[in-house]
Amino acid sequence: MSSLLFSLALLVAAFALHSTTRRFVRTRLRYVDAIQKSLAPVVAGGVAFLAAGAVVAIVPVLGIGTALSAAFAVGSGVAAGARDIRQGTSPIVYGP
């Protein structure tokens, strides 16, 4: 039962990271040219992995899967936010 709760919490955290990163890229980094490079999501995901890895090292309940899912969520959020900027779309689901 606790494994199911941890999985659900991880899913909610990954969705929150993705949507927050996407909104940040779309609103704050709209005029930054570097965010449109294909390497930007990889760099953002790598930095998120390093940051989550430090948290995973301190908190014994979390594992490497948590760090990987956080990195994937941030990287995909950056990619989606950059795509929103290129296409000129602004989904209502993710806020203003």
N, C-alpha and C. Protein backbone atom coordinates (compact mmCIF):
# COMPACT_ATOMS: atom_id res chain seq x y z
N MET A 1 0.82 -1.20 0.00
CA MET A 1 0.00 0.00 0.00
C MET A 1 0.86 1.26 0.00
N SER A 2 1.94 1.24 0.79
CA SER A 2 2.79 2.43 0.84
C SER A 2 3.51 2.64 -0.50
N SER A 3 3.81 1.55 -1.21
CA SER A 3 4.44 1.67 -2.51
C SER A 3 3.51 2.38 -3.49
N LEU A 4 2.24 2.09 -3.40
CA LEU A 4 1.25 2.76 -4.25
C LEU A 4 1.17 4.24 -3.93
N LEU A 5 1.22 4.57 -2.65
CA LEU A 5 1.18 5.99 -2.25
C LEU A 5 2.43 6.74 -2.70
N PHE A 6 3.59 6.09 -2.58
CA PHE A 6 4.82 6.71 -3.05
C PHE A 6 4.79 6.93 -4.56
N SER A 7 4.26 5.97 -5.29
CA SER A 7 4.16 6.10 -6.75
C SER A 7 3.21 7.22 -7.14
N LEU A 8 2.11 7.33 -6.42
CA LEU A 8 1.16 8.41 -6.69
C LEU A 8 1.78 9.77 -6.36
N ALA A 9 2.49 9.86 -5.26
CA ALA A 9 3.16 11.11 -4.89
C ALA A 9 4.23 11.48 -5.92
N LEU A 10 4.94 10.50 -6.43
CA LEU A 10 5.95 10.74 -7.45
C LEU A 10 5.31 11.23 -8.74
N LEU A 11 4.19 10.66 -9.10
CA LEU A 11 3.48 11.09 -10.30
C LEU A 11 2.99 12.54 -10.18
N VAL A 12 2.45 12.88 -9.02
CA VAL A 12 1.97 14.25 -8.79
C VAL A 12 3.15 15.23 -8.81
N ALA A 13 4.26 14.86 -8.18
CA ALA A 13 5.43 15.73 -8.16
C ALA A 13 6.00 15.92 -9.57
N ALA A 14 6.03 14.87 -10.37
CA ALA A 14 6.54 14.98 -11.73
C ALA A 14 5.64 15.88 -12.57
N PHE A 15 4.33 15.75 -12.42
CA PHE A 15 3.41 16.61 -13.16
C PHE A 15 3.58 18.07 -12.73
N ALA A 16 3.75 18.29 -11.44
CA ALA A 16 3.95 19.67 -10.95
C ALA A 16 5.25 20.25 -11.47
N LEU A 17 6.32 19.46 -11.49
CA LEU A 17 7.59 19.95 -12.03
C LEU A 17 7.48 20.27 -13.51
N HIS A 18 6.83 19.39 -14.25
CA HIS A 18 6.68 19.61 -15.69
C HIS A 18 5.89 20.88 -15.97
N SER A 19 4.75 21.03 -15.32
CA SER A 19 3.90 22.19 -15.62
C SER A 19 4.52 23.49 -15.13
N THR A 20 5.20 23.46 -14.00
CA THR A 20 5.86 24.67 -13.50
C THR A 20 7.01 25.08 -14.42
N THR A 21 7.80 24.12 -14.86
CA THR A 21 8.91 24.41 -15.77
C THR A 21 8.40 24.92 -17.11
N ARG A 22 7.35 24.31 -17.60
CA ARG A 22 6.78 24.74 -18.89
C ARG A 22 6.28 26.17 -18.82
N ARG A 23 5.58 26.51 -17.74
CA ARG A 23 5.06 27.86 -17.58
C ARG A 23 6.20 28.86 -17.41
N PHE A 24 7.26 28.49 -16.66
CA PHE A 24 8.40 29.37 -16.46
C PHE A 24 9.10 29.67 -17.78
N VAL A 25 9.32 28.63 -18.58
CA VAL A 25 9.97 28.82 -19.88
C VAL A 25 9.11 29.69 -20.78
N ARG A 26 7.81 29.44 -20.78
CA ARG A 26 6.91 30.17 -21.67
C ARG A 26 6.79 31.65 -21.29
N THR A 27 6.82 31.96 -20.00
CA THR A 27 6.60 33.35 -19.59
C THR A 27 7.90 34.11 -19.36
N ARG A 28 8.84 33.53 -18.64
CA ARG A 28 10.05 34.26 -18.26
C ARG A 28 11.18 34.15 -19.28
N LEU A 29 11.26 33.06 -20.00
CA LEU A 29 12.37 32.84 -20.93
C LEU A 29 11.95 33.00 -22.38
N ARG A 30 10.87 33.70 -22.61
CA ARG A 30 10.34 33.87 -23.96
C ARG A 30 11.35 34.50 -24.91
N TYR A 31 12.12 35.47 -24.43
CA TYR A 31 13.04 36.20 -25.30
C TYR A 31 14.50 35.76 -25.16
N VAL A 32 14.73 34.63 -24.54
CA VAL A 32 16.08 34.09 -24.40
C VAL A 32 16.33 33.12 -25.55
N ASP A 33 17.32 33.43 -26.38
CA ASP A 33 17.57 32.60 -27.55
C ASP A 33 18.09 31.21 -27.20
N ALA A 34 18.82 31.08 -26.11
CA ALA A 34 19.43 29.79 -25.76
C ALA A 34 18.38 28.73 -25.43
N ILE A 35 17.20 29.13 -25.03
CA ILE A 35 16.17 28.15 -24.67
C ILE A 35 15.64 27.44 -25.92
N GLN A 36 15.84 28.02 -27.08
CA GLN A 36 15.38 27.41 -28.33
C GLN A 36 16.37 26.39 -28.90
N LYS A 37 17.54 26.28 -28.31
CA LYS A 37 18.52 25.29 -28.76
C LYS A 37 18.06 23.89 -28.37
N SER A 38 18.47 22.91 -29.15
CA SER A 38 18.04 21.53 -28.88
C SER A 38 18.71 20.95 -27.64
N LEU A 39 19.78 21.56 -27.17
CA LEU A 39 20.49 21.06 -26.00
C LEU A 39 19.88 21.57 -24.69
N ALA A 40 19.03 22.57 -24.73
CA ALA A 40 18.48 23.18 -23.51
C ALA A 40 17.71 22.19 -22.63
N PRO A 41 16.82 21.35 -23.17
CA PRO A 41 16.13 20.39 -22.29
C PRO A 41 17.08 19.38 -21.65
N VAL A 42 18.12 19.00 -22.37
CA VAL A 42 19.09 18.04 -21.83
C VAL A 42 19.87 18.66 -20.68
N VAL A 43 20.30 19.90 -20.86
CA VAL A 43 21.03 20.60 -19.80
C VAL A 43 20.14 20.81 -18.59
N ALA A 44 18.92 21.24 -18.81
CA ALA A 44 18.00 21.46 -17.69
C ALA A 44 17.71 20.15 -16.96
N GLY A 45 17.51 19.07 -17.69
CA GLY A 45 17.29 17.78 -17.07
C GLY A 45 18.50 17.29 -16.30
N GLY A 46 19.69 17.53 -16.83
CA GLY A 46 20.92 17.14 -16.13
C GLY A 46 21.12 17.90 -14.84
N VAL A 47 20.85 19.19 -14.86
CA VAL A 47 20.95 20.00 -13.64
C VAL A 47 19.90 19.55 -12.63
N ALA A 48 18.70 19.26 -13.09
CA ALA A 48 17.66 18.78 -12.19
C ALA A 48 18.04 17.42 -11.60
N PHE A 49 18.69 16.57 -12.40
CA PHE A 49 19.13 15.27 -11.90
C PHE A 49 20.18 15.43 -10.81
N LEU A 50 21.11 16.35 -11.02
CA LEU A 50 22.14 16.59 -10.00
C LEU A 50 21.53 17.14 -8.72
N ALA A 51 20.59 18.07 -8.85
CA ALA A 51 19.94 18.64 -7.67
C ALA A 51 19.11 17.58 -6.95
N ALA A 52 18.37 16.78 -7.70
CA ALA A 52 17.56 15.73 -7.07
C ALA A 52 18.45 14.63 -6.51
N GLY A 53 19.60 14.40 -7.12
CA GLY A 53 20.54 13.42 -6.60
C GLY A 53 21.07 13.81 -5.23
N ALA A 54 21.27 15.10 -5.02
CA ALA A 54 21.71 15.57 -3.70
C ALA A 54 20.62 15.34 -2.66
N VAL A 55 19.37 15.57 -3.05
CA VAL A 55 18.25 15.34 -2.13
C VAL A 55 18.09 13.85 -1.85
N VAL A 56 18.26 13.03 -2.87
CA VAL A 56 18.13 11.58 -2.72
C VAL A 56 19.21 11.04 -1.79
N ALA A 57 20.39 11.63 -1.83
CA ALA A 57 21.47 11.19 -0.95
C ALA A 57 21.17 11.48 0.51
N ILE A 58 20.38 12.52 0.77
CA ILE A 58 20.07 12.90 2.15
C ILE A 58 18.84 12.15 2.67
N VAL A 59 17.82 12.03 1.84
CA VAL A 59 16.56 11.41 2.27
C VAL A 59 16.59 9.92 1.90
N PRO A 60 16.59 9.03 2.89
CA PRO A 60 16.75 7.61 2.58
C PRO A 60 15.53 6.95 1.94
N VAL A 61 14.37 7.56 2.02
CA VAL A 61 13.16 6.96 1.44
C VAL A 61 13.17 7.07 -0.08
N LEU A 62 13.79 8.10 -0.59
CA LEU A 62 13.81 8.34 -2.04
C LEU A 62 14.93 7.56 -2.68
N GLY A 63 14.75 7.24 -3.96
CA GLY A 63 15.75 6.48 -4.69
C GLY A 63 16.15 7.18 -5.98
N ILE A 64 16.94 6.49 -6.76
CA ILE A 64 17.44 7.06 -8.01
C ILE A 64 16.31 7.27 -9.01
N GLY A 65 15.25 6.49 -8.91
CA GLY A 65 14.10 6.66 -9.80
C GLY A 65 13.43 8.01 -9.60
N THR A 66 13.44 8.48 -8.37
CA THR A 66 12.88 9.80 -8.08
C THR A 66 13.68 10.89 -8.78
N ALA A 67 14.99 10.78 -8.70
CA ALA A 67 15.85 11.77 -9.36
C ALA A 67 15.68 11.71 -10.88
N LEU A 68 15.58 10.50 -11.42
CA LEU A 68 15.40 10.37 -12.87
C LEU A 68 14.06 10.92 -13.34
N SER A 69 13.01 10.67 -12.57
CA SER A 69 11.69 11.18 -12.97
C SER A 69 11.65 12.71 -12.86
N ALA A 70 12.31 13.28 -11.86
CA ALA A 70 12.37 14.73 -11.75
C ALA A 70 13.14 15.33 -12.92
N ALA A 71 14.24 14.70 -13.29
CA ALA A 71 15.02 15.19 -14.43
C ALA A 71 14.22 15.09 -15.73
N PHE A 72 13.51 14.00 -15.92
CA PHE A 72 12.70 13.85 -17.12
C PHE A 72 11.56 14.87 -17.15
N ALA A 73 10.95 15.13 -16.00
CA ALA A 73 9.85 16.09 -15.93
C ALA A 73 10.33 17.51 -16.25
N VAL A 74 11.48 17.88 -15.72
CA VAL A 74 12.02 19.23 -16.00
C VAL A 74 12.44 19.34 -17.45
N GLY A 75 13.12 18.33 -17.97
CA GLY A 75 13.55 18.36 -19.37
C GLY A 75 12.38 18.42 -20.34
N SER A 76 11.35 17.64 -20.07
CA SER A 76 10.19 17.67 -20.95
C SER A 76 9.41 18.98 -20.80
N GLY A 77 9.43 19.57 -19.61
CA GLY A 77 8.80 20.88 -19.42
C GLY A 77 9.50 21.97 -20.20
N VAL A 78 10.83 21.93 -20.22
CA VAL A 78 11.60 22.91 -21.00
C VAL A 78 11.31 22.73 -22.48
N ALA A 79 11.30 21.49 -22.94
CA ALA A 79 11.03 21.24 -24.36
C ALA A 79 9.62 21.69 -24.75
N ALA A 80 8.65 21.42 -23.89
CA ALA A 80 7.27 21.82 -24.19
C ALA A 80 7.11 23.34 -24.15
N GLY A 81 7.77 24.00 -23.19
CA GLY A 81 7.70 25.45 -23.12
C GLY A 81 8.34 26.11 -24.33
N ALA A 82 9.48 25.57 -24.79
CA ALA A 82 10.13 26.11 -25.98
C ALA A 82 9.25 25.88 -27.22
N ARG A 83 8.59 24.74 -27.28
CA ARG A 83 7.68 24.48 -28.40
C ARG A 83 6.50 25.45 -28.37
N ASP A 84 5.98 25.74 -27.19
CA ASP A 84 4.89 26.71 -27.06
C ASP A 84 5.31 28.08 -27.58
N ILE A 85 6.54 28.47 -27.28
CA ILE A 85 7.04 29.77 -27.74
C ILE A 85 7.14 29.78 -29.26
N ARG A 86 7.70 28.72 -29.84
CA ARG A 86 7.86 28.65 -31.30
C ARG A 86 6.52 28.67 -32.01
N GLN A 87 5.55 27.94 -31.47
CA GLN A 87 4.24 27.83 -32.13
C GLN A 87 3.29 28.95 -31.76
N GLY A 88 3.62 29.70 -30.72
CA GLY A 88 2.75 30.79 -30.30
C GLY A 88 1.52 30.33 -29.57
N THR A 89 1.56 29.12 -29.00
CA THR A 89 0.40 28.58 -28.28
C THR A 89 0.57 28.82 -26.79
N SER A 90 -0.54 28.91 -26.10
CA SER A 90 -0.54 29.08 -24.66
C SER A 90 -1.68 28.26 -24.06
N PRO A 91 -1.39 27.02 -23.64
CA PRO A 91 -2.46 26.18 -23.13
C PRO A 91 -3.06 26.73 -21.85
N ILE A 92 -4.36 26.70 -21.75
CA ILE A 92 -5.07 27.21 -20.58
C ILE A 92 -4.88 26.29 -19.38
N VAL A 93 -4.63 25.02 -19.62
CA VAL A 93 -4.51 24.04 -18.56
C VAL A 93 -3.37 24.38 -17.60
N TYR A 94 -2.30 24.97 -18.10
CA TYR A 94 -1.11 25.19 -17.30
C TYR A 94 -1.07 26.59 -16.69
N GLY A 95 -2.11 27.33 -16.72
CA GLY A 95 -2.14 28.64 -16.08
C GLY A 95 -2.01 29.78 -17.08
N PRO A 96 -1.83 30.99 -16.56
CA PRO A 96 -1.80 32.19 -17.43
C PRO A 96 -0.59 32.26 -18.31
